[in-house]
Protein backbone atom coordinates (compact mmCIF):
# COMPACT_ATOMS: atom_id res chain seq x y z
CA UNK A 1 -83.45 11.39 40.66
CA UNK A 2 -81.99 14.48 38.83
CA UNK A 3 -78.53 15.83 39.05
CA UNK A 4 -75.71 18.18 37.96
CA UNK A 5 -75.02 15.85 35.01
CA UNK A 6 -78.29 16.93 33.22
CA UNK A 7 -79.91 13.83 33.55
CA UNK A 8 -83.35 12.28 34.76
CA UNK A 9 -82.93 8.66 36.02
CA UNK A 10 -85.51 6.17 37.18
CA UNK A 11 -84.33 3.38 39.10
CA UNK A 12 -86.15 -0.04 40.42
CA UNK A 13 -85.57 -0.42 44.09
CA UNK A 14 -86.59 -4.06 43.91
CA UNK A 15 -84.39 -5.12 41.11
CA UNK A 16 -81.76 -2.76 41.98
CA UNK A 17 -81.15 -1.24 38.57
CA UNK A 18 -81.63 1.86 36.44
CA UNK A 19 -84.58 1.54 34.15
CA UNK A 20 -84.41 4.77 32.22
CA UNK A 21 -82.36 7.86 31.48
CA UNK A 22 -82.51 10.91 29.55
CA UNK A 23 -80.22 13.85 29.03
CA UNK A 24 -81.75 17.55 29.66
CA UNK A 25 -80.35 20.73 28.30
CA UNK A 26 -80.01 22.19 31.92
CA UNK A 27 -78.90 21.07 35.31
CA UNK A 28 -81.71 19.68 37.42
CA UNK A 29 -82.23 20.26 41.28
CA UNK A 30 -85.33 18.68 42.35
CA UNK A 31 -88.19 16.11 41.18
CA UNK A 32 -91.58 14.71 42.35
CA UNK A 33 -93.79 12.16 41.12
CA UNK A 34 -97.40 13.21 40.31
CA UNK A 35 -100.07 11.39 42.28
CA UNK A 36 -100.85 9.19 39.62
CA UNK A 37 -97.21 8.25 38.82
CA UNK A 38 -97.66 8.99 35.20
CA UNK A 39 -95.81 12.16 34.94
CA UNK A 40 -92.48 13.55 36.90
CA UNK A 41 -92.26 17.24 37.87
CA UNK A 42 -88.62 18.52 37.57
CA UNK A 43 -87.11 22.03 38.90
CA UNK A 44 -84.04 23.37 36.99
CA UNK A 45 -81.21 25.40 38.10
CA UNK A 46 -77.74 24.99 39.69
CA UNK A 47 -78.23 27.18 42.85
CA UNK A 48 -74.58 28.30 42.55
CA UNK A 49 -74.22 31.98 42.54
CA UNK A 50 -72.26 32.98 39.43
CA UNK A 51 -72.87 29.57 37.74
CA UNK A 52 -76.52 29.94 37.05
CA UNK A 53 -78.16 27.85 33.97
CA UNK A 54 -79.86 29.59 31.12
CA UNK A 55 -83.08 28.01 32.34
CA UNK A 56 -82.36 28.64 36.13
CA UNK A 57 -85.69 28.60 38.03
CA UNK A 58 -87.81 26.84 35.19
CA UNK A 59 -89.76 23.66 35.49
CA UNK A 60 -90.59 20.83 33.16
CA UNK A 61 -93.01 18.05 33.31
CA UNK A 62 -91.97 14.75 31.54
CA UNK A 63 -93.66 11.49 30.88
CA UNK A 64 -92.72 8.67 33.34
CA UNK A 65 -93.10 6.00 30.66
CA UNK A 66 -90.40 7.12 28.13
CA UNK A 67 -89.39 10.66 29.75
CA UNK A 68 -90.51 12.67 26.94
CA UNK A 69 -91.08 16.48 27.47
CA UNK A 70 -94.78 17.16 28.02
CA UNK A 71 -94.55 20.82 29.39
CA UNK A 72 -92.13 23.61 30.21
CA UNK A 73 -92.51 27.00 31.90
CA UNK A 74 -90.73 29.51 34.25
CA UNK A 75 -91.96 31.93 36.74
CA UNK A 76 -88.95 32.29 38.82
CA UNK A 77 -85.27 33.31 38.01
CA UNK A 78 -83.68 31.19 40.81
CA UNK A 79 -83.13 27.59 41.24
CA UNK A 80 -86.37 25.36 42.22
CA UNK A 81 -85.09 23.75 45.36
CA UNK A 82 -87.95 21.65 46.27
CA UNK A 83 -91.15 20.32 44.70
CA UNK A 84 -94.20 18.72 46.41
CA UNK A 85 -97.58 17.52 44.98
CA UNK A 86 -100.76 17.92 47.08
CA UNK A 87 -102.51 14.79 48.53
CA UNK A 88 -105.57 15.24 46.26
CA UNK A 89 -103.39 15.59 43.35
CA UNK A 90 -104.78 18.83 42.17
CA UNK A 91 -101.91 21.16 42.68
CA UNK A 92 -98.29 21.23 43.39
CA UNK A 93 -96.01 23.78 44.95
CA UNK A 94 -92.46 24.75 44.14
CA UNK A 95 -89.86 26.50 46.57
CA UNK A 96 -87.29 28.67 45.06
CA UNK A 97 -84.37 30.34 46.27
CA UNK A 98 -85.80 33.74 45.29
CA UNK A 99 -87.73 33.53 48.62
CA UNK A 100 -91.06 32.78 47.02
CA UNK A 101 -93.22 29.68 46.80
CA UNK A 102 -95.13 29.09 43.58
CA UNK A 103 -98.34 27.16 43.40
CA UNK A 104 -99.70 25.49 40.13
CA UNK A 105 -102.77 23.23 38.96
CA UNK A 106 -101.78 19.80 38.01
CA UNK A 107 -104.44 19.67 35.12
CA UNK A 108 -103.14 22.54 32.69
CA UNK A 109 -100.08 23.76 35.03
CA UNK A 110 -101.91 27.06 35.48
CA UNK A 111 -100.44 29.30 38.21
CA UNK A 112 -102.72 29.52 41.29
CA UNK A 113 -100.88 31.56 43.83
CA UNK A 114 -97.39 33.02 44.60
CA UNK A 115 -96.47 33.08 48.34
CA UNK A 116 -94.10 35.83 49.03
CA UNK A 117 -92.77 36.77 52.71
CA UNK A 118 -89.48 34.65 53.44
CA UNK A 119 -86.27 36.65 53.98
CA UNK A 120 -83.98 33.46 52.75
CA UNK A 121 -83.84 30.87 50.23
CA UNK A 122 -86.72 28.63 50.59
CA UNK A 123 -85.63 25.01 50.63
CA UNK A 124 -88.20 22.86 52.05
CA UNK A 125 -92.23 22.94 51.72
CA UNK A 126 -94.79 20.46 52.98
CA UNK A 127 -98.54 20.02 52.27
CA UNK A 128 -101.39 19.52 54.82
CA UNK A 129 -103.40 16.48 54.42
CA UNK A 130 -106.28 18.41 53.32
CA UNK A 131 -104.17 19.95 50.64
CA UNK A 132 -105.29 23.46 51.81
CA UNK A 133 -102.21 24.71 53.48
CA UNK A 134 -98.50 24.43 53.31
CA UNK A 135 -95.50 25.08 55.47
CA UNK A 136 -92.06 26.08 54.39
CA UNK A 137 -88.43 26.79 55.69
CA UNK A 138 -85.81 29.03 54.34
CA UNK A 139 -82.24 29.62 54.74
CA UNK A 140 -83.11 32.39 57.32
CA UNK A 141 -84.34 29.69 59.79
CA UNK A 142 -87.97 30.86 59.29
CA UNK A 143 -90.94 28.63 59.55
CA UNK A 144 -94.07 29.98 57.69
CA UNK A 145 -97.53 28.79 56.73
CA UNK A 146 -99.64 29.66 53.56
CA UNK A 147 -103.05 29.10 52.30
CA UNK A 148 -102.81 27.21 48.86
CA UNK A 149 -105.59 29.00 47.18
CA UNK A 150 -104.90 32.66 48.00
CA UNK A 151 -101.08 32.41 48.81
CA UNK A 152 -101.82 34.59 51.86
CA UNK A 153 -99.63 33.98 55.09
CA UNK A 154 -101.22 32.12 58.02
CA UNK A 155 -100.93 32.94 61.68
CA UNK A 156 -98.89 30.06 63.41
CA UNK A 157 -101.63 29.79 66.08
CA UNK A 158 -104.29 28.83 63.50
CA UNK A 159 -102.02 26.14 62.13
CA UNK A 160 -101.51 24.33 65.43
CA UNK A 161 -103.92 21.51 64.86
CA UNK A 162 -103.38 21.05 61.20
CA UNK A 163 -102.02 17.74 60.12
CA UNK A 164 -99.40 17.51 57.61
CA UNK A 165 -99.26 14.85 54.72
CA UNK A 166 -95.19 14.86 55.05
CA UNK A 167 -92.57 16.30 57.23
CA UNK A 168 -89.45 17.34 55.31
CA UNK A 169 -89.22 20.81 56.79
CA UNK A 170 -86.53 20.54 59.34
CA UNK A 171 -87.63 23.40 61.34
CA UNK A 172 -91.06 22.53 62.72
CA UNK A 173 -92.85 21.68 65.96
CA UNK A 174 -92.50 17.77 65.84
CA UNK A 175 -88.96 18.08 64.79
CA UNK A 176 -87.68 20.74 67.38
CA UNK A 177 -85.62 18.07 69.42
CA UNK A 178 -83.05 17.53 66.50
CA UNK A 179 -81.68 20.96 67.23
CA UNK A 180 -78.40 20.14 69.30
CA UNK A 181 -77.77 22.43 72.54
CA UNK A 182 -74.15 22.67 71.32
CA UNK A 183 -73.45 24.11 67.92
CA UNK A 184 -71.05 21.94 66.13
CA UNK A 185 -71.76 23.20 62.80
CA UNK A 186 -74.45 20.70 61.76
CA UNK A 187 -76.87 21.70 58.89
CA UNK A 188 -79.74 19.45 58.48
CA UNK A 189 -80.28 19.34 54.61
CA UNK A 190 -83.67 17.24 54.84
CA UNK A 191 -85.78 15.59 57.04
CA UNK A 192 -88.07 12.55 56.29
CA UNK A 193 -90.98 11.17 58.52
CA UNK A 194 -92.23 7.61 57.87
CA UNK A 195 -95.63 6.96 56.64
CA UNK A 196 -96.26 5.25 59.79
CA UNK A 197 -95.49 8.54 61.59
CA UNK A 198 -93.32 6.72 64.09
CA UNK A 199 -89.69 7.45 62.67
CA UNK A 200 -87.68 10.44 61.29
CA UNK A 201 -84.86 10.38 58.96
CA UNK A 202 -82.39 13.29 58.84
CA UNK A 203 -79.46 13.92 56.59
CA UNK A 204 -76.92 16.66 57.39
CA UNK A 205 -73.64 18.53 55.81
CA UNK A 206 -71.26 15.98 57.44
CA UNK A 207 -72.46 12.89 55.34
CA UNK A 208 -74.48 11.34 58.22
CA UNK A 209 -77.98 9.61 58.02
CA UNK A 210 -79.67 9.88 61.39
CA UNK A 211 -82.73 7.93 62.41
CA UNK A 212 -84.77 8.75 65.63
CA UNK A 213 -88.32 8.46 66.92
CA UNK A 214 -91.24 10.88 65.68
CA UNK A 215 -92.16 13.00 67.14
CA UNK A 216 -88.93 14.66 68.21
CA UNK A 217 -89.75 17.20 70.76
CA UNK A 218 -87.10 17.47 73.41
CA UNK A 219 -83.42 17.95 73.41
CA UNK A 220 -80.73 15.25 73.26
CA UNK A 221 -82.95 12.87 71.36
CA UNK A 222 -81.57 9.44 71.02
CA UNK A 223 -80.10 9.01 67.53
CA UNK A 224 -78.76 5.75 65.33
CA UNK A 225 -76.28 7.25 62.96
CA UNK A 226 -75.46 5.58 59.78
CA UNK A 227 -72.33 6.39 57.71
CA UNK A 228 -71.43 6.02 54.01
CA UNK A 229 -71.85 9.15 52.09
CA UNK A 230 -68.69 11.00 51.49
CA UNK A 231 -70.01 14.43 52.44
CA UNK A 232 -73.04 16.69 52.53
CA UNK A 233 -76.08 14.52 52.00
CA UNK A 234 -78.53 16.44 50.16
CA UNK A 235 -82.13 14.59 50.30
CA UNK A 236 -83.88 11.64 51.70
CA UNK A 237 -87.17 9.95 50.94
CA UNK A 238 -89.00 7.00 52.46
CA UNK A 239 -90.69 4.26 50.29
CA UNK A 240 -94.55 4.10 50.32
CA UNK A 241 -94.40 0.95 52.37
CA UNK A 242 -91.85 2.16 54.72
CA UNK A 243 -89.64 -0.67 53.84
CA UNK A 244 -86.84 1.34 52.65
CA UNK A 245 -85.29 4.79 52.70
CA UNK A 246 -83.37 6.63 50.07
CA UNK A 247 -80.69 9.20 50.26
CA UNK A 248 -78.92 11.34 47.80
CA UNK A 249 -75.32 12.52 48.23
CA UNK A 250 -74.25 15.97 47.21
CA UNK A 251 -70.65 15.34 46.08
CA UNK A 252 -70.46 11.88 45.69
CA UNK A 253 -72.76 11.22 43.11
CA UNK A 254 -74.38 8.28 44.76
CA UNK A 255 -77.78 7.35 45.76
CA UNK A 256 -78.13 5.01 48.92
CA UNK A 257 -80.90 2.64 49.59
CA UNK A 258 -81.43 1.66 53.10
CA UNK A 259 -83.35 -1.09 54.43
CA UNK A 260 -85.54 -0.57 57.60
CA UNK A 261 -84.28 -3.39 59.96
CA UNK A 262 -85.89 -4.02 63.29
CA UNK A 263 -83.29 -4.33 66.11
CA UNK A 264 -83.63 -7.28 68.08
CA UNK A 265 -84.26 -6.76 71.73
CA UNK A 266 -82.36 -8.67 74.40
CA UNK A 267 -84.43 -11.48 76.16
CA UNK A 268 -85.85 -10.59 79.52
CA UNK A 269 -84.25 -13.86 80.97
CA UNK A 270 -80.83 -12.67 79.95
CA UNK A 271 -81.31 -9.30 81.51
CA UNK A 272 -82.16 -11.01 84.85
CA UNK A 273 -78.67 -12.46 84.85
CA UNK A 274 -77.20 -9.19 85.40
CA UNK A 275 -76.96 -8.39 89.03
CA UNK A 276 -77.67 -4.78 88.95
CA UNK A 277 -81.08 -5.57 87.48
CA UNK A 278 -83.82 -5.30 90.18
CA UNK A 279 -87.64 -5.76 90.41
CA UNK A 280 -88.28 -1.87 90.09
CA UNK A 281 -86.47 -1.80 86.86
CA UNK A 282 -88.45 -4.58 85.35
CA UNK A 283 -91.44 -2.75 86.61
CA UNK A 284 -90.45 0.34 84.48
CA UNK A 285 -89.86 -1.61 81.29
CA UNK A 286 -93.42 -2.39 81.15
CA UNK A 287 -94.23 1.33 80.73
CA UNK A 288 -91.43 2.14 78.28
CA UNK A 289 -92.49 4.45 75.75
CA UNK A 290 -95.51 5.81 77.67
CA UNK A 291 -95.75 9.05 79.31
CA UNK A 292 -95.85 8.52 83.06
CA UNK A 293 -96.09 12.31 83.83
CA UNK A 294 -97.13 15.62 82.06
CA UNK A 295 -94.73 16.85 79.54
CA UNK A 296 -92.68 19.94 80.36
CA UNK A 297 -94.60 22.07 77.62
CA UNK A 298 -98.03 20.97 79.06
CA UNK A 299 -98.89 24.31 80.52
CA UNK A 300 -97.86 25.97 77.30
CA UNK A 301 -100.40 23.90 75.33
CA UNK A 302 -103.25 24.35 77.74
CA UNK A 303 -102.85 28.34 77.44
CA UNK A 304 -102.39 28.25 73.49
CA UNK A 305 -98.88 29.79 73.99
CA UNK A 306 -96.17 29.60 71.60
CA UNK A 307 -93.22 27.54 73.15
CA UNK A 308 -90.56 30.17 72.43
CA UNK A 309 -92.48 33.16 73.66
CA UNK A 310 -93.31 31.27 76.79
CA UNK A 311 -89.70 30.57 77.49
CA UNK A 312 -88.72 34.36 76.85
CA UNK A 313 -91.47 35.55 79.28
CA UNK A 314 -90.26 33.30 81.85
CA UNK A 315 -86.82 34.24 81.52
CA UNK A 316 -85.36 30.66 80.45
CA UNK A 317 -83.89 31.72 77.15
CA UNK A 318 -82.28 34.80 76.10
CA UNK A 319 -84.34 36.36 73.37
CA UNK A 320 -81.25 36.80 71.17
CA UNK A 321 -80.70 32.92 71.32
CA UNK A 322 -84.07 32.35 69.71
CA UNK A 323 -84.07 31.49 66.11
CA UNK A 324 -86.81 32.85 63.86
CA UNK A 325 -88.67 29.64 63.28
CA UNK A 326 -88.96 28.95 67.10
CA UNK A 327 -90.97 31.99 67.33
CA UNK A 328 -93.56 30.65 65.12
CA UNK A 329 -93.71 26.99 66.82
CA UNK A 330 -96.91 26.59 68.58
CA UNK A 331 -97.91 23.38 70.11
CA UNK A 332 -101.02 21.29 69.12
CA UNK A 333 -103.82 21.13 71.42
CA UNK A 334 -103.37 17.61 72.31
CA UNK A 335 -99.73 16.98 72.88
CA UNK A 336 -98.42 14.09 71.02
CA UNK A 337 -96.72 11.26 72.96
CA UNK A 338 -93.06 11.03 72.76
CA UNK A 339 -90.57 8.40 73.41
CA UNK A 340 -86.95 9.73 73.72
CA UNK A 341 -85.32 6.22 73.77
CA UNK A 342 -83.40 5.01 70.94
CA UNK A 343 -85.77 3.95 68.02
CA UNK A 344 -86.58 0.15 67.72
CA UNK A 345 -85.52 0.22 63.95
CA UNK A 346 -82.21 0.68 62.33
CA UNK A 347 -81.20 1.37 58.69
CA UNK A 348 -79.02 -1.17 56.82
CA UNK A 349 -77.40 -0.30 53.49
CA UNK A 350 -78.77 -2.27 50.91
CA UNK A 351 -77.65 -0.91 47.68
CA UNK A 352 -75.55 1.86 46.20
CA UNK A 353 -76.50 3.37 42.69
CA UNK A 354 -73.64 5.37 40.86
CA UNK A 355 -70.38 7.09 41.76
CA UNK A 356 -68.46 10.14 40.63
CA UNK A 357 -66.79 8.82 37.68
CA UNK A 358 -65.93 12.31 36.33
CA UNK A 359 -63.63 12.91 39.41
CA UNK A 360 -62.26 9.06 40.14
CA UNK A 361 -59.04 7.77 38.51
CA UNK A 362 -58.11 3.99 39.03
CA UNK A 363 -61.04 3.40 41.34
CA UNK A 364 -62.25 0.20 39.74
CA UNK A 365 -60.51 -3.28 40.08
CA UNK A 366 -60.90 -6.82 40.27
CA UNK A 367 -60.39 -9.00 43.40
CA UNK A 368 -58.42 -12.17 43.66
CA UNK A 369 -61.76 -14.11 43.29
CA UNK A 370 -62.75 -12.13 40.20
CA UNK A 371 -65.18 -9.74 41.75
CA UNK A 372 -65.53 -6.20 40.42
CA UNK A 373 -64.64 -3.46 43.29
CA UNK A 374 -65.03 0.29 43.37
CA UNK A 375 -65.70 3.13 45.70
CA UNK A 376 -69.22 4.59 45.84
CA UNK A 377 -69.06 7.74 48.07
CA UNK A 378 -67.23 6.54 51.37
CA UNK A 379 -68.20 2.76 50.73
CA UNK A 380 -66.15 0.06 49.09
CA UNK A 381 -68.75 -1.82 46.74
């Protein structure tokens, strides 16, 4: 992890302890492991207007073993909000608040392409499984696609069958169901799809960690909501074996480690004791999670039509209410199966790393049994 305290910290998720830490000469905003795990890429900057760092927009490469500086460069003058490494390990992409994406080679960190076209601050980027394309979101609610060799903008229709190595962009086709029909001010800061591609974790500006099934296509999807962060959760990541999720707080200075826990389903024998249950209900349970009829967007897929454009032509949605990213969402040729029921797994808080010592007073004490107590975010540890 990196943060406003100008540090890089490496933790052991199994032993639940910090392994290494080093102090930088600038606030860091984003980081990513190289595919071989030998180096760490770090994006610098504060992202706060009027409080920019001297090295705002620069990036560095450090050794994972001892956190020594290996390389430093700067092509942007705005904070690096996200960093992703391609699945083949040959290139990496940095998303900047200047509205551009910067693509580099991992061998000598040579610049390969610069993607221009966003009208807002770029905050999310994902690579395709073949490392040939990237998709990105910005603060203007745009979803754009790019070629990683040329940096050229790609037509959404040509991207409909591309498989993505990760899903951290919050505004995409498989995550369109997370948008609440009622605007309650929720802003999703980051999404993270499990490696098994069956779960999606979302974090928002209200400090909530939400778990739902993947893909999430229809409105009013069933969420499992977890609390603990004080406010404004900034990031979430999944472990390589899907056993844990990690979330980073924006103002609480804490890193939460969540354990993926399977929810025990009630026994069928117990359900039969309820008088309102009937034979028809149990027959439907056998098909739970399967599509019993064509999805609502079936015709859109058959005719290769963007979902938003189709709805506008049919007069279902007012054009003024369509967000920019919804205009570039195109369904794949084969509609993925979707289960709108509550996900079978839940998140159980396993460990809390750190707390905001700089703004805390009299926050540590001993219990009558001699145990050490303190507050990490909105959780008593």
